[in-house]
Amino acid sequence: MAEEIKAEMVANVWKVVAAAGDEVSEGDTLVILESMKMEIPVITESDGVVSKIAVNEGDVVQEGDLIAVIE
């Protein structure tokens, strides 16, 4: 079952850490968002393989926007 990781707030994509095809474990950082001069790591809640990173560095995400999919 795929896990969709979504933005929890409006923020800038500061750094993309993971790429499609990467194996990840629960708690690994996928992307780092920046909002109000704070860095917010976006983590996975399960083990798996990243099937999609839906954002690029410099993008602006809205609450609920898809960030990544873990298979």
N, C-alpha and C. Protein backbone atom coordinates (compact mmCIF):
# COMPACT_ATOMS: atom_id res chain seq x y z
N MET A 1 0.84 -1.19 0.00
CA MET A 1 0.00 0.00 0.00
C MET A 1 0.88 1.25 0.00
N ALA A 2 0.58 2.18 -0.86
CA ALA A 2 1.38 3.40 -0.98
C ALA A 2 1.03 4.39 0.13
N GLU A 3 2.05 5.06 0.62
CA GLU A 3 1.88 6.11 1.62
C GLU A 3 2.13 7.44 0.92
N GLU A 4 1.13 8.32 0.91
CA GLU A 4 1.30 9.65 0.33
C GLU A 4 1.71 10.61 1.44
N ILE A 5 2.82 11.30 1.22
CA ILE A 5 3.30 12.29 2.17
C ILE A 5 2.84 13.65 1.65
N LYS A 6 2.11 14.39 2.48
CA LYS A 6 1.56 15.68 2.06
C LYS A 6 2.06 16.80 2.96
N ALA A 7 2.08 18.01 2.40
CA ALA A 7 2.51 19.19 3.16
C ALA A 7 1.49 19.49 4.25
N GLU A 8 1.99 19.85 5.41
CA GLU A 8 1.11 20.19 6.53
C GLU A 8 0.92 21.69 6.66
N MET A 9 1.62 22.47 5.82
CA MET A 9 1.54 23.93 5.90
C MET A 9 2.03 24.54 4.59
N VAL A 10 1.78 25.81 4.42
CA VAL A 10 2.35 26.55 3.29
C VAL A 10 3.82 26.78 3.61
N ALA A 11 4.69 26.42 2.66
CA ALA A 11 6.12 26.55 2.90
C ALA A 11 6.88 26.50 1.58
N ASN A 12 8.15 26.89 1.65
CA ASN A 12 9.06 26.76 0.51
C ASN A 12 9.79 25.44 0.64
N VAL A 13 10.05 24.78 -0.48
CA VAL A 13 10.86 23.56 -0.47
C VAL A 13 12.31 24.02 -0.45
N TRP A 14 12.96 23.84 0.69
CA TRP A 14 14.33 24.30 0.87
C TRP A 14 15.33 23.30 0.31
N LYS A 15 15.12 22.00 0.62
CA LYS A 15 16.05 20.97 0.16
C LYS A 15 15.31 19.66 -0.05
N VAL A 16 15.60 19.00 -1.17
CA VAL A 16 15.07 17.66 -1.44
C VAL A 16 16.18 16.68 -1.08
N VAL A 17 15.92 15.82 -0.10
CA VAL A 17 16.93 14.91 0.42
C VAL A 17 16.87 13.55 -0.27
N ALA A 18 15.67 13.05 -0.52
CA ALA A 18 15.49 11.72 -1.10
C ALA A 18 15.15 11.82 -2.59
N ALA A 19 15.35 10.72 -3.29
CA ALA A 19 15.03 10.65 -4.72
C ALA A 19 14.23 9.39 -5.00
N ALA A 20 13.52 9.39 -6.11
CA ALA A 20 12.78 8.19 -6.52
C ALA A 20 13.75 7.02 -6.61
N GLY A 21 13.34 5.89 -6.05
CA GLY A 21 14.17 4.69 -6.04
C GLY A 21 14.93 4.48 -4.74
N ASP A 22 15.02 5.52 -3.91
CA ASP A 22 15.72 5.40 -2.62
C ASP A 22 14.93 4.52 -1.66
N GLU A 23 15.64 3.66 -0.92
CA GLU A 23 15.02 2.92 0.17
C GLU A 23 15.05 3.80 1.41
N VAL A 24 13.92 3.88 2.10
CA VAL A 24 13.83 4.71 3.30
C VAL A 24 13.27 3.89 4.46
N SER A 25 13.60 4.34 5.65
CA SER A 25 13.10 3.73 6.88
C SER A 25 12.23 4.73 7.61
N GLU A 26 11.36 4.23 8.47
CA GLU A 26 10.51 5.10 9.27
C GLU A 26 11.35 6.17 9.94
N GLY A 27 10.94 7.43 9.81
CA GLY A 27 11.64 8.54 10.44
C GLY A 27 12.68 9.21 9.56
N ASP A 28 12.96 8.66 8.37
CA ASP A 28 13.92 9.29 7.46
C ASP A 28 13.34 10.59 6.89
N THR A 29 14.22 11.57 6.70
CA THR A 29 13.82 12.84 6.10
C THR A 29 13.79 12.71 4.59
N LEU A 30 12.69 13.16 3.99
CA LEU A 30 12.54 13.14 2.54
C LEU A 30 12.84 14.51 1.93
N VAL A 31 12.30 15.53 2.56
CA VAL A 31 12.38 16.91 2.07
C VAL A 31 12.48 17.82 3.29
N ILE A 32 13.13 18.96 3.14
CA ILE A 32 13.14 19.97 4.20
C ILE A 32 12.42 21.20 3.68
N LEU A 33 11.38 21.59 4.40
CA LEU A 33 10.62 22.79 4.07
C LEU A 33 11.12 23.96 4.90
N GLU A 34 10.87 25.17 4.41
CA GLU A 34 11.24 26.38 5.15
C GLU A 34 10.01 27.26 5.23
N SER A 35 9.69 27.67 6.45
CA SER A 35 8.56 28.57 6.66
C SER A 35 8.89 29.48 7.83
N MET A 36 8.74 30.76 7.64
CA MET A 36 9.03 31.75 8.69
C MET A 36 10.42 31.54 9.28
N LYS A 37 11.40 31.30 8.41
CA LYS A 37 12.81 31.13 8.77
C LYS A 37 13.07 29.90 9.64
N MET A 38 12.13 28.95 9.64
CA MET A 38 12.31 27.69 10.36
C MET A 38 12.41 26.57 9.35
N GLU A 39 13.31 25.62 9.60
CA GLU A 39 13.43 24.44 8.75
C GLU A 39 12.56 23.33 9.32
N ILE A 40 11.71 22.76 8.48
CA ILE A 40 10.78 21.72 8.92
C ILE A 40 11.04 20.46 8.10
N PRO A 41 11.59 19.40 8.74
CA PRO A 41 11.80 18.16 7.99
C PRO A 41 10.48 17.44 7.73
N VAL A 42 10.34 16.91 6.53
CA VAL A 42 9.19 16.08 6.17
C VAL A 42 9.70 14.64 6.19
N ILE A 43 9.14 13.82 7.08
CA ILE A 43 9.65 12.47 7.29
C ILE A 43 8.64 11.42 6.83
N THR A 44 9.15 10.21 6.63
CA THR A 44 8.29 9.09 6.29
C THR A 44 7.87 8.38 7.57
N GLU A 45 6.67 7.87 7.57
CA GLU A 45 6.14 7.16 8.74
C GLU A 45 6.23 5.65 8.57
N SER A 46 6.83 5.20 7.47
CA SER A 46 6.95 3.76 7.26
C SER A 46 8.19 3.45 6.42
N ASP A 47 8.62 2.19 6.46
CA ASP A 47 9.72 1.74 5.62
C ASP A 47 9.21 1.53 4.20
N GLY A 48 10.08 1.69 3.22
CA GLY A 48 9.67 1.44 1.85
C GLY A 48 10.65 2.01 0.85
N VAL A 49 10.16 2.17 -0.37
CA VAL A 49 10.95 2.73 -1.46
C VAL A 49 10.22 3.96 -1.97
N VAL A 50 10.97 5.05 -2.16
CA VAL A 50 10.38 6.28 -2.69
C VAL A 50 10.02 6.02 -4.15
N SER A 51 8.74 6.13 -4.48
CA SER A 51 8.33 5.94 -5.87
C SER A 51 8.19 7.27 -6.59
N LYS A 52 8.01 8.35 -5.83
CA LYS A 52 7.85 9.67 -6.46
C LYS A 52 8.20 10.77 -5.48
N ILE A 53 8.96 11.75 -5.94
CA ILE A 53 9.13 13.02 -5.24
C ILE A 53 8.43 14.05 -6.11
N ALA A 54 7.39 14.68 -5.58
CA ALA A 54 6.52 15.53 -6.38
C ALA A 54 6.88 17.01 -6.31
N VAL A 55 7.99 17.35 -5.64
CA VAL A 55 8.39 18.75 -5.51
C VAL A 55 9.85 18.92 -5.91
N ASN A 56 10.21 20.15 -6.19
CA ASN A 56 11.60 20.50 -6.49
C ASN A 56 12.04 21.60 -5.54
N GLU A 57 13.35 21.71 -5.33
CA GLU A 57 13.87 22.78 -4.49
C GLU A 57 13.42 24.12 -5.07
N GLY A 58 12.95 25.00 -4.19
CA GLY A 58 12.48 26.31 -4.61
C GLY A 58 10.98 26.39 -4.82
N ASP A 59 10.31 25.23 -4.92
CA ASP A 59 8.85 25.23 -5.07
C ASP A 59 8.18 25.77 -3.81
N VAL A 60 6.98 26.27 -3.97
CA VAL A 60 6.13 26.64 -2.84
C VAL A 60 5.02 25.61 -2.77
N VAL A 61 4.83 25.02 -1.59
CA VAL A 61 3.76 24.05 -1.41
C VAL A 61 2.66 24.65 -0.54
N GLN A 62 1.44 24.22 -0.82
CA GLN A 62 0.28 24.61 -0.02
C GLN A 62 -0.09 23.45 0.90
N GLU A 63 -0.80 23.72 1.95
CA GLU A 63 -1.25 22.66 2.85
C GLU A 63 -2.02 21.62 2.05
N GLY A 64 -1.63 20.35 2.19
CA GLY A 64 -2.31 19.26 1.50
C GLY A 64 -1.67 18.86 0.18
N ASP A 65 -0.70 19.65 -0.31
CA ASP A 65 -0.03 19.30 -1.57
C ASP A 65 0.81 18.03 -1.39
N LEU A 66 0.83 17.20 -2.43
CA LEU A 66 1.62 15.97 -2.41
C LEU A 66 3.10 16.31 -2.45
N ILE A 67 3.87 15.69 -1.55
CA ILE A 67 5.32 15.87 -1.53
C ILE A 67 6.01 14.62 -2.05
N ALA A 68 5.58 13.45 -1.58
CA ALA A 68 6.24 12.21 -1.99
C ALA A 68 5.29 11.04 -1.83
N VAL A 69 5.63 9.93 -2.52
CA VAL A 69 4.90 8.68 -2.39
C VAL A 69 5.90 7.59 -2.04
N ILE A 70 5.58 6.81 -0.99
CA ILE A 70 6.40 5.68 -0.54
C ILE A 70 5.65 4.41 -0.81
N GLU A 71 6.28 3.44 -1.48
CA GLU A 71 5.65 2.15 -1.74
C GLU A 71 6.12 1.13 -0.73
